[in-house]
N, C-alpha and C. Protein backbone atom coordinates (compact mmCIF):
# COMPACT_ATOMS: atom_id res chain seq x y z
N MET A 1 -4.48 -23.50 -48.70
CA MET A 1 -6.24 -23.32 -49.80
C MET A 1 -5.68 -21.60 -50.18
N GLN A 2 -5.82 -20.84 -51.31
CA GLN A 2 -5.80 -19.56 -51.38
C GLN A 2 -7.08 -19.20 -51.31
N SER A 3 -6.77 -17.63 -50.96
CA SER A 3 -7.99 -16.29 -50.44
C SER A 3 -8.71 -16.06 -51.77
N PRO A 4 -9.60 -15.81 -51.39
CA PRO A 4 -10.45 -15.54 -52.60
C PRO A 4 -10.51 -14.26 -52.79
N LEU A 5 -9.66 -13.62 -52.47
CA LEU A 5 -9.27 -11.87 -52.96
C LEU A 5 -7.92 -11.75 -53.60
N ALA A 6 -6.47 -12.18 -52.47
CA ALA A 6 -5.73 -11.98 -53.14
C ALA A 6 -5.01 -13.63 -53.27
N HIS A 7 -5.76 -13.85 -54.84
CA HIS A 7 -5.54 -15.29 -55.34
C HIS A 7 -4.21 -15.96 -55.17
N ARG A 8 -3.08 -15.22 -54.99
CA ARG A 8 -1.73 -16.20 -55.17
C ARG A 8 -0.96 -16.23 -53.61
N ARG A 9 -2.09 -15.62 -52.58
CA ARG A 9 -1.27 -15.69 -51.35
C ARG A 9 -2.31 -16.64 -50.50
N ARG A 10 -1.79 -17.75 -49.95
CA ARG A 10 -2.15 -18.90 -49.17
C ARG A 10 -2.88 -18.08 -47.94
N LEU A 11 -3.71 -18.87 -46.86
CA LEU A 11 -4.45 -18.76 -46.28
C LEU A 11 -3.45 -19.52 -45.43
N GLU A 12 -3.59 -18.40 -43.81
CA GLU A 12 -2.93 -19.09 -42.86
C GLU A 12 -4.04 -19.80 -41.78
N ARG A 13 -3.37 -20.47 -40.78
CA ARG A 13 -4.45 -21.22 -39.89
C ARG A 13 -4.53 -20.00 -38.89
N VAL A 14 -5.62 -19.76 -38.52
CA VAL A 14 -6.12 -18.68 -36.75
C VAL A 14 -6.94 -19.11 -36.23
N GLU A 15 -7.01 -18.88 -34.94
CA GLU A 15 -8.11 -19.25 -33.62
C GLU A 15 -8.96 -17.80 -33.60
N LEU A 16 -10.20 -17.92 -34.28
CA LEU A 16 -10.62 -16.81 -34.08
C LEU A 16 -11.09 -16.51 -32.66
N GLU A 17 -11.58 -17.47 -32.60
CA GLU A 17 -12.22 -17.55 -30.75
C GLU A 17 -11.74 -18.97 -30.16
N PRO A 18 -11.61 -18.84 -28.87
CA PRO A 18 -11.76 -20.46 -28.33
C PRO A 18 -12.28 -21.74 -29.20
N GLY A 19 -11.52 -22.18 -30.33
CA GLY A 19 -12.28 -23.73 -30.84
C GLY A 19 -12.37 -23.34 -32.05
N LEU A 20 -12.60 -22.23 -32.43
CA LEU A 20 -12.78 -21.74 -33.57
C LEU A 20 -11.64 -21.80 -34.53
N THR A 21 -11.40 -22.85 -35.28
CA THR A 21 -10.00 -22.52 -36.34
C THR A 21 -10.77 -21.77 -37.51
N ALA A 22 -9.81 -20.85 -38.19
CA ALA A 22 -10.08 -20.52 -39.45
C ALA A 22 -9.41 -20.48 -40.20
N PHE A 23 -9.07 -19.94 -41.43
CA PHE A 23 -8.09 -18.92 -42.39
C PHE A 23 -8.25 -17.50 -42.39
N ARG A 24 -6.71 -17.39 -42.15
CA ARG A 24 -7.33 -16.04 -42.33
C ARG A 24 -5.72 -15.31 -43.75
N CYS A 25 -6.17 -14.31 -44.69
CA CYS A 25 -5.99 -13.98 -45.35
C CYS A 25 -4.58 -12.56 -44.77
N PRO A 26 -3.12 -13.03 -45.30
CA PRO A 26 -2.42 -11.74 -44.47
C PRO A 26 -2.69 -10.67 -45.96
N GLU A 27 -2.71 -10.98 -46.65
CA GLU A 27 -2.88 -9.33 -47.50
C GLU A 27 -4.16 -8.60 -47.40
N THR A 28 -5.33 -9.57 -47.04
CA THR A 28 -6.34 -8.48 -46.63
C THR A 28 -6.99 -8.44 -45.73
N GLY A 29 -6.91 -9.33 -44.84
CA GLY A 29 -7.05 -9.69 -43.58
C GLY A 29 -8.64 -10.57 -43.57
N GLY A 30 -9.11 -10.20 -44.22
CA GLY A 30 -10.45 -11.65 -44.47
C GLY A 30 -10.31 -12.59 -43.72
N HIS A 31 -11.30 -13.54 -43.62
CA HIS A 31 -11.12 -14.71 -42.92
C HIS A 31 -12.12 -16.07 -43.69
N TRP A 32 -11.29 -17.05 -43.67
CA TRP A 32 -12.37 -17.99 -44.09
C TRP A 32 -12.73 -19.12 -43.08
N ILE A 33 -13.87 -19.90 -42.51
CA ILE A 33 -13.92 -20.21 -42.09
C ILE A 33 -14.79 -21.35 -42.40
N PRO A 34 -14.45 -22.88 -42.15
CA PRO A 34 -15.38 -23.79 -43.09
C PRO A 34 -16.22 -24.31 -42.38
N GLY A 35 -17.35 -24.94 -43.05
CA GLY A 35 -18.78 -24.69 -42.01
C GLY A 35 -18.81 -25.89 -40.86
N GLU A 36 -17.64 -26.81 -41.49
CA GLU A 36 -17.60 -27.49 -40.25
C GLU A 36 -17.23 -27.07 -39.38
N ASN A 37 -15.71 -26.47 -39.04
CA ASN A 37 -15.41 -25.81 -37.92
C ASN A 37 -16.54 -24.89 -37.08
N TYR A 38 -16.87 -24.30 -37.74
CA TYR A 38 -18.43 -22.96 -37.24
C TYR A 38 -19.12 -23.83 -36.14
N TRP A 39 -20.15 -24.88 -37.43
CA TRP A 39 -20.81 -25.81 -36.14
C TRP A 39 -20.29 -26.45 -34.86
N ARG A 40 -18.85 -26.93 -34.71
CA ARG A 40 -18.43 -27.77 -34.30
C ARG A 40 -18.30 -26.62 -33.13
N TRP A 41 -17.75 -25.57 -33.50
CA TRP A 41 -17.41 -24.43 -32.31
C TRP A 41 -18.64 -23.97 -31.88
N ARG A 42 -19.70 -23.95 -32.32
CA ARG A 42 -21.55 -23.51 -31.94
C ARG A 42 -21.95 -24.07 -30.94
N SER A 43 -21.33 -25.82 -31.71
CA SER A 43 -22.29 -26.96 -30.76
C SER A 43 -21.58 -26.90 -29.47
N SER A 44 -20.24 -26.11 -29.28
CA SER A 44 -19.70 -26.45 -28.00
C SER A 44 -19.51 -25.18 -26.85
N LEU A 45 -20.38 -24.40 -27.62
CA LEU A 45 -20.74 -22.84 -26.87
C LEU A 45 -21.77 -23.32 -25.60
N PRO A 46 -21.97 -22.41 -24.43
CA PRO A 46 -23.24 -22.96 -23.64
C PRO A 46 -23.98 -22.41 -23.88
N ALA A 47 -25.24 -23.26 -23.75
CA ALA A 47 -26.66 -22.59 -24.66
C ALA A 47 -27.30 -21.43 -24.08
N ALA A 48 -26.66 -20.76 -22.94
CA ALA A 48 -27.53 -19.66 -22.72
C ALA A 48 -26.49 -18.52 -23.66
N ALA A 49 -25.30 -18.94 -23.96
CA ALA A 49 -24.54 -17.72 -24.99
C ALA A 49 -25.28 -18.22 -26.44
N VAL A 50 -25.85 -19.24 -26.96
CA VAL A 50 -26.77 -19.21 -28.24
C VAL A 50 -27.84 -18.77 -28.13
N GLN A 51 -28.65 -19.13 -26.80
CA GLN A 51 -30.14 -18.63 -26.93
C GLN A 51 -29.66 -16.96 -26.81
N VAL A 52 -28.74 -16.16 -26.49
CA VAL A 52 -28.80 -14.41 -26.55
C VAL A 52 -28.44 -14.66 -27.51
N ALA A 53 -27.41 -14.85 -28.53
CA ALA A 53 -26.92 -14.78 -29.67
C ALA A 53 -28.20 -14.65 -30.70
N ASP A 54 -29.02 -16.01 -30.93
CA ASP A 54 -30.17 -15.99 -31.52
C ASP A 54 -31.09 -14.88 -31.19
N GLU A 55 -31.51 -14.26 -30.22
CA GLU A 55 -32.68 -13.45 -29.90
C GLU A 55 -32.19 -11.98 -29.71
N SER A 56 -30.64 -11.61 -30.24
CA SER A 56 -30.03 -10.29 -30.07
C SER A 56 -29.41 -9.63 -30.89
N HIS A 57 -29.78 -8.86 -31.62
CA HIS A 57 -29.84 -8.12 -33.06
C HIS A 57 -29.16 -6.67 -32.94
N ALA A 58 -28.73 -6.25 -31.97
CA ALA A 58 -28.21 -5.17 -31.71
C ALA A 58 -26.82 -4.80 -32.22
N ALA A 59 -26.61 -4.76 -33.07
CA ALA A 59 -25.46 -4.03 -33.83
C ALA A 59 -24.60 -2.29 -33.50
N GLN A 60 -23.18 -2.64 -34.27
CA GLN A 60 -23.41 -1.38 -33.93
C GLN A 60 -22.32 -1.38 -35.20
N PRO A 61 -22.78 -0.16 -36.22
CA PRO A 61 -21.58 -0.50 -37.33
C PRO A 61 -20.06 -0.08 -36.65
N ALA A 62 -19.39 -0.94 -37.64
CA ALA A 62 -18.39 -1.38 -37.82
C ALA A 62 -17.53 -1.33 -38.90
N PRO A 63 -15.88 -0.76 -39.16
CA PRO A 63 -15.78 -0.55 -40.45
C PRO A 63 -15.02 -1.65 -40.46
N VAL A 64 -15.09 -1.81 -42.10
CA VAL A 64 -14.96 -3.08 -42.59
C VAL A 64 -14.28 -2.84 -43.95
N SER A 65 -13.16 -3.85 -44.42
CA SER A 65 -12.52 -3.85 -45.76
C SER A 65 -13.53 -3.13 -46.59
N GLU A 66 -12.70 -2.65 -47.87
CA GLU A 66 -13.11 -1.89 -49.15
C GLU A 66 -13.04 -3.58 -50.03
N PHE A 67 -13.21 -4.46 -49.92
CA PHE A 67 -13.29 -5.44 -50.61
C PHE A 67 -14.77 -6.42 -50.80
N ASP A 68 -15.70 -5.68 -50.05
CA ASP A 68 -16.91 -6.07 -49.70
C ASP A 68 -17.45 -6.66 -51.32
N ASP A 69 -17.21 -5.70 -52.41
CA ASP A 69 -17.95 -5.85 -53.31
C ASP A 69 -16.97 -6.64 -54.46
N ALA A 70 -16.21 -7.40 -54.73
CA ALA A 70 -15.25 -8.08 -54.99
C ALA A 70 -16.23 -9.53 -55.58
N LEU A 71 -15.94 -10.19 -56.65
CA LEU A 71 -16.67 -11.70 -56.50
C LEU A 71 -15.47 -12.35 -56.08
N LYS A 72 -16.42 -13.19 -55.47
CA LYS A 72 -15.10 -14.45 -54.51
C LYS A 72 -15.68 -15.63 -54.71
N LEU A 73 -14.42 -15.92 -54.86
CA LEU A 73 -14.78 -17.70 -55.59
C LEU A 73 -14.08 -18.49 -53.60
N CYS A 74 -14.99 -19.60 -53.73
CA CYS A 74 -14.60 -20.60 -52.45
C CYS A 74 -13.19 -21.15 -52.76
N PRO A 75 -12.69 -20.85 -51.26
CA PRO A 75 -11.42 -21.44 -51.43
C PRO A 75 -10.90 -23.01 -51.18
N GLU A 76 -12.41 -23.95 -51.51
CA GLU A 76 -12.29 -24.86 -51.58
C GLU A 76 -12.91 -25.25 -52.18
N SER A 77 -14.04 -25.00 -52.94
CA SER A 77 -14.80 -25.96 -54.07
C SER A 77 -13.91 -24.88 -55.43
N GLY A 78 -13.79 -23.77 -55.44
CA GLY A 78 -13.29 -22.97 -56.37
C GLY A 78 -14.57 -22.21 -57.32
N THR A 79 -15.81 -22.85 -56.85
CA THR A 79 -17.37 -21.80 -56.61
C THR A 79 -17.45 -20.80 -56.25
N VAL A 80 -18.39 -19.33 -57.27
CA VAL A 80 -18.77 -18.45 -57.23
C VAL A 80 -19.26 -18.68 -55.41
N MET A 81 -19.13 -17.22 -54.74
CA MET A 81 -20.04 -17.84 -53.17
C MET A 81 -21.43 -17.09 -53.90
N THR A 82 -22.04 -17.14 -52.75
CA THR A 82 -23.77 -16.28 -52.49
C THR A 82 -23.21 -15.36 -51.61
N ARG A 83 -23.68 -13.99 -51.69
CA ARG A 83 -24.37 -12.91 -51.05
C ARG A 83 -24.92 -12.60 -50.23
N TYR A 84 -24.66 -12.15 -48.97
CA TYR A 84 -26.02 -12.40 -47.69
C TYR A 84 -25.94 -10.83 -47.28
N ARG A 85 -26.87 -9.87 -46.66
CA ARG A 85 -26.72 -9.17 -46.38
C ARG A 85 -26.67 -9.09 -44.95
N VAL A 86 -25.90 -8.87 -44.05
CA VAL A 86 -25.95 -8.79 -42.63
C VAL A 86 -27.30 -8.07 -41.72
N GLY A 87 -27.10 -6.67 -41.90
CA GLY A 87 -28.23 -6.18 -41.49
C GLY A 87 -27.85 -5.51 -40.21
N TYR A 88 -28.88 -5.47 -39.75
CA TYR A 88 -29.02 -5.14 -37.77
C TYR A 88 -28.08 -3.84 -37.57
N GLY A 89 -27.68 -3.37 -38.28
CA GLY A 89 -26.87 -2.16 -38.20
C GLY A 89 -25.70 -2.44 -38.80
N GLN A 90 -25.58 -3.49 -39.63
CA GLN A 90 -24.02 -3.65 -40.39
C GLN A 90 -24.48 -3.52 -42.04
N SER A 91 -23.77 -2.78 -42.80
CA SER A 91 -23.88 -2.40 -43.85
C SER A 91 -23.21 -3.37 -44.90
N PHE A 92 -22.64 -4.01 -44.59
CA PHE A 92 -21.78 -5.21 -45.29
C PHE A 92 -22.45 -6.10 -45.51
N ARG A 93 -21.89 -7.11 -46.40
CA ARG A 93 -22.36 -9.04 -46.99
C ARG A 93 -21.47 -9.44 -46.73
N VAL A 94 -22.09 -10.69 -45.83
CA VAL A 94 -21.10 -11.90 -45.89
C VAL A 94 -21.46 -12.87 -47.31
N GLU A 95 -20.11 -13.66 -47.45
CA GLU A 95 -20.27 -14.57 -48.49
C GLU A 95 -20.45 -16.08 -48.26
N ARG A 96 -21.08 -16.79 -48.72
CA ARG A 96 -21.14 -17.90 -48.35
C ARG A 96 -20.91 -19.27 -49.46
N SER A 97 -20.17 -20.17 -49.28
CA SER A 97 -19.72 -21.03 -50.38
C SER A 97 -21.28 -22.47 -50.46
N SER A 98 -20.74 -23.25 -51.50
CA SER A 98 -22.04 -24.24 -51.41
C SER A 98 -21.72 -25.15 -50.29
N THR A 99 -20.21 -25.13 -49.70
CA THR A 99 -19.66 -26.13 -49.24
C THR A 99 -20.25 -26.14 -47.71
N GLY A 100 -20.97 -24.60 -47.64
CA GLY A 100 -21.22 -24.28 -46.29
C GLY A 100 -20.28 -23.65 -45.06
N GLY A 101 -19.11 -22.91 -46.51
CA GLY A 101 -17.98 -22.00 -45.47
C GLY A 101 -18.22 -20.79 -46.23
N ILE A 102 -17.62 -20.20 -44.66
CA ILE A 102 -17.99 -18.63 -44.93
C ILE A 102 -16.98 -17.91 -44.88
N TRP A 103 -17.00 -16.87 -46.05
CA TRP A 103 -15.84 -15.78 -45.95
C TRP A 103 -16.31 -14.18 -45.26
N LEU A 104 -15.34 -14.20 -44.83
CA LEU A 104 -15.76 -13.13 -44.07
C LEU A 104 -14.80 -11.42 -44.47
N ASP A 105 -14.94 -10.53 -44.89
CA ASP A 105 -13.79 -9.77 -45.07
C ASP A 105 -13.07 -9.59 -43.77
N GLY A 106 -12.07 -8.60 -44.22
CA GLY A 106 -11.23 -7.79 -43.01
C GLY A 106 -12.05 -6.91 -42.14
N GLY A 107 -12.32 -7.31 -40.96
CA GLY A 107 -13.17 -6.43 -40.50
C GLY A 107 -14.48 -7.15 -39.90
N GLU A 108 -14.70 -7.08 -40.78
CA GLU A 108 -16.06 -8.00 -40.42
C GLU A 108 -16.18 -9.01 -39.31
N TRP A 109 -15.39 -10.27 -38.87
CA TRP A 109 -15.71 -10.61 -38.13
C TRP A 109 -15.79 -10.20 -36.29
N GLU A 110 -15.02 -9.18 -36.18
CA GLU A 110 -15.07 -7.86 -35.35
C GLU A 110 -16.25 -7.13 -35.52
N ALA A 111 -16.78 -6.56 -36.60
CA ALA A 111 -17.96 -6.11 -36.69
C ALA A 111 -19.40 -6.94 -36.04
N LEU A 112 -19.11 -8.51 -36.29
CA LEU A 112 -19.90 -9.18 -36.12
C LEU A 112 -19.82 -9.36 -35.03
N CYS A 113 -18.64 -9.72 -33.84
CA CYS A 113 -18.80 -10.16 -32.24
C CYS A 113 -18.93 -8.71 -31.75
N GLY A 114 -18.53 -7.68 -32.66
CA GLY A 114 -19.02 -6.07 -31.70
C GLY A 114 -20.89 -5.99 -31.60
N GLY A 115 -21.74 -6.31 -32.44
CA GLY A 115 -23.10 -6.44 -32.54
C GLY A 115 -23.42 -7.98 -31.92
N GLN A 116 -22.64 -8.45 -31.21
CA GLN A 116 -23.19 -10.28 -30.62
C GLN A 116 -23.64 -10.91 -31.81
N LEU A 117 -23.32 -11.43 -32.72
CA LEU A 117 -23.88 -11.84 -34.15
C LEU A 117 -22.70 -13.16 -34.11
N GLN A 118 -21.85 -12.84 -33.52
CA GLN A 118 -21.17 -13.77 -34.33
C GLN A 118 -21.73 -15.60 -34.09
N ASN A 119 -22.34 -15.30 -32.68
CA ASN A 119 -22.83 -16.85 -32.43
C ASN A 119 -24.11 -17.58 -33.47
N SER A 120 -24.75 -16.12 -34.22
CA SER A 120 -26.01 -16.51 -34.73
C SER A 120 -25.31 -16.44 -36.47
N LEU A 121 -23.95 -15.95 -36.81
CA LEU A 121 -23.67 -16.22 -38.44
C LEU A 121 -24.57 -17.29 -39.40
N HIS A 122 -25.10 -18.41 -38.73
CA HIS A 122 -25.95 -19.21 -39.31
C HIS A 122 -27.07 -18.41 -39.84
N LEU A 123 -27.48 -17.86 -38.89
CA LEU A 123 -28.98 -16.80 -39.15
C LEU A 123 -28.92 -16.34 -40.35
N ILE A 124 -27.99 -15.72 -40.95
CA ILE A 124 -27.71 -14.64 -41.71
C ILE A 124 -28.38 -15.29 -43.30
N PHE A 125 -27.90 -16.49 -43.21
CA PHE A 125 -28.06 -16.97 -44.37
C PHE A 125 -29.77 -17.97 -44.62
N THR A 126 -30.17 -17.29 -43.65
CA THR A 126 -31.71 -17.66 -43.67
C THR A 126 -33.03 -16.90 -44.71
N ALA A 127 -34.05 -17.19 -44.92
CA ALA A 127 -34.83 -16.48 -45.64
C ALA A 127 -35.57 -15.58 -44.84
N PRO A 128 -36.07 -16.12 -43.28
CA PRO A 128 -36.39 -14.87 -42.66
C PRO A 128 -35.55 -13.99 -42.07
N TRP A 129 -34.38 -14.22 -42.01
CA TRP A 129 -33.28 -12.87 -41.56
C TRP A 129 -33.12 -12.24 -42.82
N GLN A 130 -32.99 -12.62 -44.19
CA GLN A 130 -32.96 -11.77 -45.07
C GLN A 130 -33.62 -11.17 -45.59
N LYS A 131 -34.99 -11.77 -45.05
CA LYS A 131 -36.94 -10.82 -45.49
C LYS A 131 -36.60 -9.50 -44.18
N ALA A 132 -36.39 -10.13 -42.89
CA ALA A 132 -36.17 -8.79 -42.16
C ALA A 132 -35.16 -7.68 -42.50
N VAL A 133 -34.10 -7.83 -42.53
CA VAL A 133 -32.89 -7.09 -43.17
C VAL A 133 -33.73 -6.69 -44.26
N ARG A 134 -34.60 -7.30 -45.61
CA ARG A 134 -35.00 -6.16 -46.66
C ARG A 134 -36.09 -5.38 -45.82
N GLN A 135 -37.18 -5.65 -44.67
CA GLN A 135 -37.87 -4.81 -44.93
C GLN A 135 -37.22 -3.60 -43.58
N GLN A 136 -36.14 -3.60 -43.17
CA GLN A 136 -35.35 -2.82 -42.61
C GLN A 136 -35.06 -1.67 -43.03
N GLY A 137 -34.44 -2.25 -44.54
CA GLY A 137 -34.51 -1.73 -45.48
C GLY A 137 -35.50 -0.32 -45.88
N LEU A 138 -36.47 -1.08 -45.85
CA LEU A 138 -37.74 -0.77 -47.17
C LEU A 138 -38.05 0.41 -45.69
N ASP A 139 -38.13 0.13 -44.27
CA ASP A 139 -38.15 1.67 -43.04
C ASP A 139 -37.53 2.54 -43.16
N ALA A 140 -36.18 2.20 -43.12
CA ALA A 140 -35.28 3.24 -43.27
C ALA A 140 -35.41 3.95 -44.53
N ALA A 141 -35.76 3.49 -45.60
CA ALA A 141 -36.50 4.72 -46.91
C ALA A 141 -37.83 5.23 -46.68
N GLN A 142 -38.76 4.56 -46.00
CA GLN A 142 -39.82 5.06 -45.47
C GLN A 142 -39.89 6.25 -44.42
N LEU A 143 -38.52 6.25 -43.37
CA LEU A 143 -38.31 7.04 -42.80
C LEU A 143 -37.73 8.27 -43.59
N ALA A 144 -36.45 8.04 -43.89
CA ALA A 144 -35.76 9.36 -45.01
C ALA A 144 -37.16 9.97 -45.55
N GLN A 145 -37.96 9.71 -46.33
CA GLN A 145 -38.89 10.36 -46.70
C GLN A 145 -40.03 10.86 -46.38
N LEU A 146 -40.58 10.34 -45.20
CA LEU A 146 -41.15 11.27 -44.44
C LEU A 146 -40.06 12.60 -43.65
N ARG A 147 -39.29 12.43 -43.40
CA ARG A 147 -38.02 13.13 -42.90
C ARG A 147 -38.19 14.29 -43.60
N GLU A 148 -37.91 14.09 -44.83
CA GLU A 148 -37.54 15.19 -45.91
C GLU A 148 -38.60 15.69 -46.33
N ARG A 149 -40.17 15.23 -46.30
CA ARG A 149 -41.18 15.80 -46.76
C ARG A 149 -41.60 16.63 -45.35
N LEU A 150 -41.52 15.74 -44.08
CA LEU A 150 -42.44 16.68 -43.28
C LEU A 150 -40.72 17.47 -42.16
N GLY A 151 -40.00 17.37 -42.37
CA GLY A 151 -38.57 18.01 -41.72
C GLY A 151 -39.26 17.14 -40.26
N ALA A 152 -37.71 17.02 -40.30
CA ALA A 152 -36.65 16.31 -39.08
C ALA A 152 -38.16 16.79 -37.59
N GLU A 153 -38.06 17.94 -37.09
CA GLU A 153 -38.53 18.42 -36.08
C GLU A 153 -39.77 17.99 -35.93
N LEU A 154 -40.71 18.00 -37.02
CA LEU A 154 -41.84 17.58 -36.59
C LEU A 154 -42.16 15.47 -36.75
N LEU A 155 -40.93 15.34 -37.77
CA LEU A 155 -41.35 13.54 -37.90
C LEU A 155 -40.79 13.30 -36.17
N GLU A 156 -39.74 13.81 -35.63
CA GLU A 156 -39.67 13.32 -33.84
C GLU A 156 -40.53 13.70 -33.31
N ARG A 157 -41.18 14.79 -33.76
CA ARG A 157 -43.14 15.32 -32.41
C ARG A 157 -44.02 13.78 -32.94
N LEU A 158 -44.17 13.78 -34.05
CA LEU A 158 -44.65 12.43 -34.48
C LEU A 158 -44.40 11.59 -33.97
N GLN A 159 -43.51 11.23 -33.69
CA GLN A 159 -42.95 9.38 -33.34
C GLN A 159 -43.21 9.93 -32.23
N GLY A 160 -42.80 10.81 -30.98
CA GLY A 160 -43.39 10.54 -29.57
C GLY A 160 -44.72 10.28 -29.29
N LEU A 161 -45.52 11.33 -30.32
CA LEU A 161 -46.83 10.92 -30.46
C LEU A 161 -47.12 9.65 -30.60
N ARG A 162 -46.74 8.97 -31.31
CA ARG A 162 -47.02 7.69 -32.45
C ARG A 162 -46.55 6.69 -31.40
N ALA A 163 -45.73 7.13 -30.20
CA ALA A 163 -44.97 5.82 -29.44
C ALA A 163 -46.24 6.09 -27.97
N GLU A 164 -47.12 7.41 -27.88
CA GLU A 164 -48.05 7.33 -26.81
C GLU A 164 -49.15 6.66 -26.55
N LEU A 165 -49.51 7.36 -28.35
CA LEU A 165 -50.90 6.24 -28.73
C LEU A 165 -50.85 5.30 -28.71
N ALA A 166 -49.93 4.31 -28.74
CA ALA A 166 -49.92 3.48 -29.20
C ALA A 166 -50.13 2.36 -27.37
N ALA A 167 -49.70 2.68 -26.41
CA ALA A 167 -50.35 2.32 -25.12
C ALA A 167 -51.45 3.12 -24.52
N HIS A 168 -52.22 4.09 -25.15
CA HIS A 168 -53.37 5.06 -24.54
C HIS A 168 -54.43 3.41 -24.77
N PRO A 169 -55.15 4.01 -24.02
CA PRO A 169 -56.90 3.01 -23.99
C PRO A 169 -57.63 3.38 -25.09
N GLN A 170 -57.92 4.90 -25.18
CA GLN A 170 -58.40 5.46 -26.27
C GLN A 170 -57.65 5.74 -27.27
N ARG A 171 -56.88 5.13 -27.82
CA ARG A 171 -56.38 5.30 -29.05
C ARG A 171 -57.27 5.37 -30.33
N SER A 172 -57.75 4.56 -30.97
CA SER A 172 -58.62 5.04 -32.02
C SER A 172 -59.64 5.92 -31.36
N ALA A 173 -59.83 6.65 -30.86
CA ALA A 173 -60.58 7.96 -30.27
C ALA A 173 -59.75 9.14 -30.91
N ALA A 174 -58.73 8.69 -30.51
CA ALA A 174 -57.35 9.83 -30.75
C ALA A 174 -57.01 9.84 -32.31
N LEU A 175 -56.82 8.98 -32.65
CA LEU A 175 -56.69 8.63 -34.42
C LEU A 175 -57.85 9.15 -35.10
N ALA A 176 -58.75 9.04 -34.79
CA ALA A 176 -60.73 9.34 -35.10
C ALA A 176 -60.43 11.36 -35.08
N PHE A 177 -59.79 11.52 -34.34
CA PHE A 177 -59.70 13.13 -33.45
C PHE A 177 -58.26 13.18 -34.91
N LEU A 178 -57.25 12.96 -34.91
CA LEU A 178 -56.74 13.63 -35.86
C LEU A 178 -57.08 13.16 -36.87
N ASN A 179 -57.51 12.66 -37.55
CA ASN A 179 -57.98 12.17 -38.71
C ASN A 179 -59.03 13.40 -39.28
N ALA A 180 -59.84 13.49 -38.32
CA ALA A 180 -60.79 14.31 -39.02
C ALA A 180 -60.32 15.91 -38.31
N ALA A 181 -59.55 15.97 -37.43
CA ALA A 181 -59.04 17.67 -38.00
C ALA A 181 -58.24 17.67 -39.13
N ALA A 182 -58.27 16.76 -40.10
CA ALA A 182 -57.30 17.09 -41.31
C ALA A 182 -58.22 17.82 -42.64
N ASP A 183 -59.63 17.52 -42.28
CA ASP A 183 -60.84 17.64 -43.10
C ASP A 183 -61.05 19.35 -43.31
């Protein structure tokens, strides 16, 4: 199989995790994970590891390859792969082939592992995951606009007040008071 990025380079067989055979590009450090290899590996994981992975998305940003924007062809079929945003603290995208195989640029597997997302890799390609990632982007943009308009200090105080009011039994009365004070 040829690398989707370094087209004249053959992919080398590697073991990303015990039982997960993938193919690495020696030039870019990217990894090709055939779909059947991923599913075989995932089905061999203890149920507790799978459950935790499916519920936890506390990823930490990690450096990844500069090849993220390049169009990539599936090493198996030669067709263009579809890109999916990872989100949950990660700014990169992963590619998936119509064959079910997954391409990760250099550093992306390590970033997924750092955020405990490697066992949930298949979820990235689902509509609910992608919807949540889009919502995260909208929320971040709205927060940035508020920070610009209100200033960081006031926004921080308002966020504290919001958290305090969320659990308060007289939340409605407090909100009515704040709204009336604006008049």
